[in-house]
């Protein structure tokens, strides 16, 4: 399901290589405007790295995935170079990262 959420970054991003795609991703947790926590996973091999810091306000558009027993994940927060999926973005400080 595609979703757009606003929230506050809780911790500095960490980076990892995807198990299936082998692309590099950044992830960071946010507290949404509704008070719930969600994790952003952004493919920085496709879109630019987002220079977030704890306390930053972001708006995130992407695909929401529920991970049983964990906070929901918002991924696909970048453009789709293959044209098969609706693109997403992360907005930070008035700048759009996609």
N, C-alpha and C. Protein backbone atom coordinates (compact mmCIF):
# COMPACT_ATOMS: atom_id res chain seq x y z
N UNK A 1 0.84 -1.17 0.00
CA UNK A 1 0.00 0.00 0.00
C UNK A 1 0.89 1.24 0.00
N UNK A 2 0.62 2.17 -0.90
CA UNK A 2 1.36 3.43 -0.97
C UNK A 2 0.86 4.36 0.14
N UNK A 3 1.80 5.08 0.76
CA UNK A 3 1.45 5.93 1.89
C UNK A 3 2.38 7.14 1.93
N UNK A 4 1.90 8.22 2.50
CA UNK A 4 2.72 9.39 2.77
C UNK A 4 2.59 9.70 4.25
N UNK A 5 3.73 9.77 4.93
CA UNK A 5 3.76 10.01 6.37
C UNK A 5 4.70 11.15 6.71
N UNK A 6 4.36 11.90 7.73
CA UNK A 6 5.28 12.89 8.29
C UNK A 6 5.77 12.37 9.62
N UNK A 7 7.00 12.74 9.98
CA UNK A 7 7.52 12.28 11.25
C UNK A 7 8.84 12.93 11.59
N UNK A 8 9.35 12.55 12.75
CA UNK A 8 10.62 13.06 13.27
C UNK A 8 11.62 11.91 13.34
N UNK A 9 12.82 12.13 12.82
CA UNK A 9 13.87 11.12 12.82
C UNK A 9 14.33 10.88 14.26
N UNK A 10 14.43 9.61 14.64
CA UNK A 10 14.79 9.24 16.01
C UNK A 10 16.26 8.92 16.21
N UNK A 11 16.95 8.44 15.19
CA UNK A 11 18.34 8.02 15.33
C UNK A 11 19.07 8.22 14.01
N UNK A 12 20.39 8.31 14.05
CA UNK A 12 21.15 8.44 12.79
C UNK A 12 20.91 7.24 11.89
N UNK A 13 21.03 7.42 10.58
CA UNK A 13 20.83 6.29 9.67
C UNK A 13 21.95 5.26 9.79
N UNK A 14 21.59 4.03 9.49
CA UNK A 14 22.58 2.97 9.34
C UNK A 14 22.49 2.48 7.90
N UNK A 15 23.53 1.80 7.45
CA UNK A 15 23.61 1.36 6.06
C UNK A 15 23.83 -0.14 6.00
N UNK A 16 23.24 -0.77 4.97
CA UNK A 16 23.40 -2.21 4.79
C UNK A 16 23.23 -2.55 3.32
N UNK A 17 23.70 -3.73 2.94
CA UNK A 17 23.52 -4.23 1.57
C UNK A 17 22.34 -5.19 1.57
N UNK A 18 21.42 -5.00 0.63
CA UNK A 18 20.24 -5.84 0.53
C UNK A 18 20.59 -7.30 0.28
N UNK A 19 19.82 -8.20 0.88
CA UNK A 19 20.06 -9.64 0.74
C UNK A 19 19.80 -10.12 -0.68
N UNK A 20 18.76 -9.60 -1.31
CA UNK A 20 18.37 -10.08 -2.63
C UNK A 20 18.92 -9.20 -3.76
N UNK A 21 18.84 -7.89 -3.58
CA UNK A 21 19.22 -6.99 -4.66
C UNK A 21 20.70 -6.66 -4.65
N UNK A 22 21.33 -6.80 -3.48
CA UNK A 22 22.75 -6.44 -3.28
C UNK A 22 22.98 -4.93 -3.37
N UNK A 23 21.91 -4.14 -3.47
CA UNK A 23 22.02 -2.68 -3.46
C UNK A 23 22.25 -2.19 -2.03
N UNK A 24 22.88 -1.02 -1.92
CA UNK A 24 23.11 -0.42 -0.61
C UNK A 24 21.86 0.37 -0.20
N UNK A 25 21.46 0.20 1.06
CA UNK A 25 20.29 0.88 1.61
C UNK A 25 20.67 1.66 2.86
N UNK A 26 19.93 2.72 3.13
CA UNK A 26 20.02 3.38 4.43
C UNK A 26 18.70 3.15 5.14
N UNK A 27 18.77 3.07 6.45
CA UNK A 27 17.53 2.93 7.23
C UNK A 27 17.61 3.83 8.44
N UNK A 28 16.44 4.35 8.81
CA UNK A 28 16.35 5.16 10.03
C UNK A 28 14.92 5.08 10.54
N UNK A 29 14.79 5.22 11.85
CA UNK A 29 13.49 5.15 12.50
C UNK A 29 12.93 6.55 12.69
N UNK A 30 11.60 6.64 12.62
CA UNK A 30 10.89 7.91 12.80
C UNK A 30 9.72 7.72 13.75
N UNK A 31 9.36 8.78 14.42
CA UNK A 31 8.11 8.81 15.17
C UNK A 31 7.15 9.62 14.32
N UNK A 32 6.08 8.96 13.88
CA UNK A 32 5.10 9.60 13.01
C UNK A 32 4.31 10.68 13.75
N UNK A 33 3.66 11.52 13.00
CA UNK A 33 2.84 12.59 13.58
C UNK A 33 1.72 12.02 14.45
N UNK A 34 1.35 10.76 14.24
CA UNK A 34 0.32 10.11 15.05
C UNK A 34 0.91 9.45 16.30
N UNK A 35 2.24 9.56 16.50
CA UNK A 35 2.90 9.01 17.68
C UNK A 35 3.46 7.62 17.49
N UNK A 36 3.12 6.96 16.39
CA UNK A 36 3.62 5.61 16.15
C UNK A 36 4.99 5.65 15.48
N UNK A 37 5.78 4.63 15.74
CA UNK A 37 7.12 4.52 15.15
C UNK A 37 7.06 3.74 13.84
N UNK A 38 7.87 4.17 12.88
CA UNK A 38 8.03 3.43 11.63
C UNK A 38 9.48 3.53 11.19
N UNK A 39 9.91 2.56 10.38
CA UNK A 39 11.27 2.53 9.86
C UNK A 39 11.24 2.87 8.38
N UNK A 40 12.17 3.73 7.97
CA UNK A 40 12.35 4.08 6.56
C UNK A 40 13.54 3.29 6.04
N UNK A 41 13.34 2.60 4.92
CA UNK A 41 14.44 1.89 4.24
C UNK A 41 14.50 2.45 2.83
N UNK A 42 15.64 3.09 2.53
CA UNK A 42 15.81 3.82 1.27
C UNK A 42 16.98 3.22 0.50
N UNK A 43 16.76 2.88 -0.76
CA UNK A 43 17.80 2.30 -1.62
C UNK A 43 18.68 3.43 -2.15
N UNK A 44 19.88 3.57 -1.58
CA UNK A 44 20.78 4.65 -1.99
C UNK A 44 21.66 4.26 -3.17
N UNK A 45 21.46 3.05 -3.71
CA UNK A 45 22.10 2.69 -4.98
C UNK A 45 21.27 3.23 -6.15
N UNK A 46 19.99 3.55 -5.88
CA UNK A 46 19.10 4.10 -6.90
C UNK A 46 18.87 5.59 -6.69
N UNK A 47 18.52 5.98 -5.48
CA UNK A 47 18.28 7.39 -5.15
C UNK A 47 19.40 7.92 -4.28
N UNK A 48 19.43 9.23 -4.07
CA UNK A 48 20.51 9.82 -3.28
C UNK A 48 20.36 9.53 -1.79
N UNK A 49 21.48 9.51 -1.11
CA UNK A 49 21.48 9.41 0.35
C UNK A 49 20.78 10.64 0.91
N UNK A 50 20.02 10.46 1.98
CA UNK A 50 19.31 11.56 2.62
C UNK A 50 20.07 11.89 3.92
N UNK A 51 20.60 13.09 4.04
CA UNK A 51 21.43 13.43 5.20
C UNK A 51 20.62 13.75 6.46
N UNK A 52 19.88 12.76 6.95
CA UNK A 52 19.02 12.97 8.12
C UNK A 52 19.82 12.87 9.42
N UNK A 53 19.33 13.56 10.42
CA UNK A 53 19.88 13.52 11.77
C UNK A 53 18.73 13.41 12.75
N UNK A 54 18.99 12.88 13.93
CA UNK A 54 17.93 12.83 14.95
C UNK A 54 17.33 14.21 15.18
N UNK A 55 16.00 14.25 15.25
CA UNK A 55 15.28 15.50 15.44
C UNK A 55 14.80 16.15 14.16
N UNK A 56 15.33 15.72 13.01
CA UNK A 56 14.89 16.27 11.72
C UNK A 56 13.45 15.86 11.44
N UNK A 57 12.70 16.76 10.82
CA UNK A 57 11.35 16.47 10.34
C UNK A 57 11.44 16.01 8.89
N UNK A 58 10.76 14.93 8.57
CA UNK A 58 10.74 14.40 7.21
C UNK A 58 9.31 14.09 6.81
N UNK A 59 9.09 14.10 5.51
CA UNK A 59 7.88 13.55 4.91
C UNK A 59 8.35 12.42 4.01
N UNK A 60 7.71 11.27 4.13
CA UNK A 60 8.14 10.08 3.42
C UNK A 60 6.97 9.54 2.61
N UNK A 61 7.23 9.27 1.32
CA UNK A 61 6.22 8.60 0.48
C UNK A 61 6.84 7.32 -0.03
N UNK A 62 6.13 6.23 0.17
CA UNK A 62 6.63 4.94 -0.29
C UNK A 62 5.62 3.85 -0.04
N UNK A 63 6.10 2.63 -0.10
CA UNK A 63 5.24 1.48 0.11
C UNK A 63 5.34 1.04 1.58
N UNK A 64 4.18 0.91 2.23
CA UNK A 64 4.11 0.48 3.62
C UNK A 64 4.07 -1.04 3.68
N UNK A 65 4.95 -1.61 4.51
CA UNK A 65 5.01 -3.05 4.70
C UNK A 65 4.97 -3.32 6.20
N UNK A 66 4.09 -4.20 6.60
CA UNK A 66 4.02 -4.58 8.01
C UNK A 66 4.92 -5.79 8.23
N UNK A 67 5.79 -5.67 9.21
CA UNK A 67 6.74 -6.72 9.56
C UNK A 67 6.34 -7.23 10.94
N UNK A 68 5.71 -8.35 10.98
CA UNK A 68 5.12 -8.90 12.21
C UNK A 68 6.06 -8.76 13.42
N UNK A 69 5.55 -8.15 14.48
CA UNK A 69 6.31 -7.99 15.71
C UNK A 69 7.29 -6.83 15.70
N UNK A 70 7.32 -6.07 14.62
CA UNK A 70 8.23 -4.93 14.50
C UNK A 70 7.45 -3.72 13.99
N UNK A 71 8.05 -2.53 14.14
CA UNK A 71 7.37 -1.36 13.56
C UNK A 71 7.23 -1.51 12.04
N UNK A 72 6.22 -0.88 11.45
CA UNK A 72 6.07 -0.96 9.99
C UNK A 72 7.27 -0.34 9.28
N UNK A 73 7.46 -0.79 8.05
CA UNK A 73 8.55 -0.30 7.20
C UNK A 73 7.94 0.49 6.05
N UNK A 74 8.58 1.61 5.72
CA UNK A 74 8.23 2.35 4.50
C UNK A 74 9.45 2.23 3.59
N UNK A 75 9.28 1.59 2.46
CA UNK A 75 10.39 1.45 1.50
C UNK A 75 9.91 1.89 0.13
N UNK A 76 10.75 1.72 -0.85
CA UNK A 76 10.52 2.23 -2.21
C UNK A 76 10.31 3.74 -2.16
N UNK A 77 11.22 4.39 -1.44
CA UNK A 77 11.16 5.85 -1.23
C UNK A 77 12.05 6.57 -2.24
N UNK A 78 12.08 6.07 -3.46
CA UNK A 78 12.92 6.62 -4.53
C UNK A 78 12.17 6.45 -5.85
N UNK A 79 12.71 7.03 -6.90
CA UNK A 79 12.11 6.84 -8.22
C UNK A 79 12.28 5.38 -8.64
N UNK A 80 11.53 4.95 -9.63
CA UNK A 80 11.64 3.59 -10.14
C UNK A 80 12.31 3.63 -11.52
N UNK A 81 13.58 3.26 -11.60
CA UNK A 81 14.27 3.32 -12.90
C UNK A 81 13.73 2.32 -13.91
N UNK A 82 12.95 1.33 -13.47
CA UNK A 82 12.41 0.32 -14.38
C UNK A 82 10.98 0.62 -14.80
N UNK A 83 10.34 1.62 -14.17
CA UNK A 83 8.98 2.00 -14.54
C UNK A 83 7.91 0.98 -14.19
N UNK A 84 8.15 0.17 -13.17
CA UNK A 84 7.20 -0.87 -12.80
C UNK A 84 6.48 -0.60 -11.48
N UNK A 85 6.83 0.48 -10.81
CA UNK A 85 6.31 0.75 -9.48
C UNK A 85 6.16 2.26 -9.30
N UNK A 86 5.15 2.66 -8.57
CA UNK A 86 5.01 4.08 -8.28
C UNK A 86 6.21 4.56 -7.47
N UNK A 87 6.82 5.65 -7.90
CA UNK A 87 7.99 6.17 -7.21
C UNK A 87 7.62 6.86 -5.90
N UNK A 88 8.58 6.91 -5.00
CA UNK A 88 8.38 7.59 -3.73
C UNK A 88 9.41 8.68 -3.54
N UNK A 89 9.49 9.21 -2.33
CA UNK A 89 10.46 10.26 -2.03
C UNK A 89 10.60 10.42 -0.53
N UNK A 90 11.65 11.13 -0.14
CA UNK A 90 11.82 11.61 1.23
C UNK A 90 12.06 13.10 1.11
N UNK A 91 11.28 13.88 1.86
CA UNK A 91 11.46 15.33 1.87
C UNK A 91 12.12 15.70 3.19
N UNK A 92 13.20 16.46 3.10
CA UNK A 92 13.94 16.93 4.26
C UNK A 92 14.32 18.38 4.04
N UNK A 93 13.90 19.25 4.92
CA UNK A 93 14.27 20.67 4.82
C UNK A 93 13.86 21.33 3.53
N UNK A 94 12.73 20.92 2.98
CA UNK A 94 12.24 21.51 1.73
C UNK A 94 12.84 20.90 0.47
N UNK A 95 13.76 19.97 0.62
CA UNK A 95 14.37 19.32 -0.54
C UNK A 95 13.81 17.91 -0.68
N UNK A 96 13.54 17.52 -1.92
CA UNK A 96 13.01 16.20 -2.24
C UNK A 96 14.16 15.30 -2.67
N UNK A 97 14.26 14.14 -2.02
CA UNK A 97 15.23 13.11 -2.37
C UNK A 97 14.45 11.95 -2.97
N UNK A 98 14.75 11.62 -4.22
CA UNK A 98 14.03 10.54 -4.91
C UNK A 98 15.00 9.85 -5.83
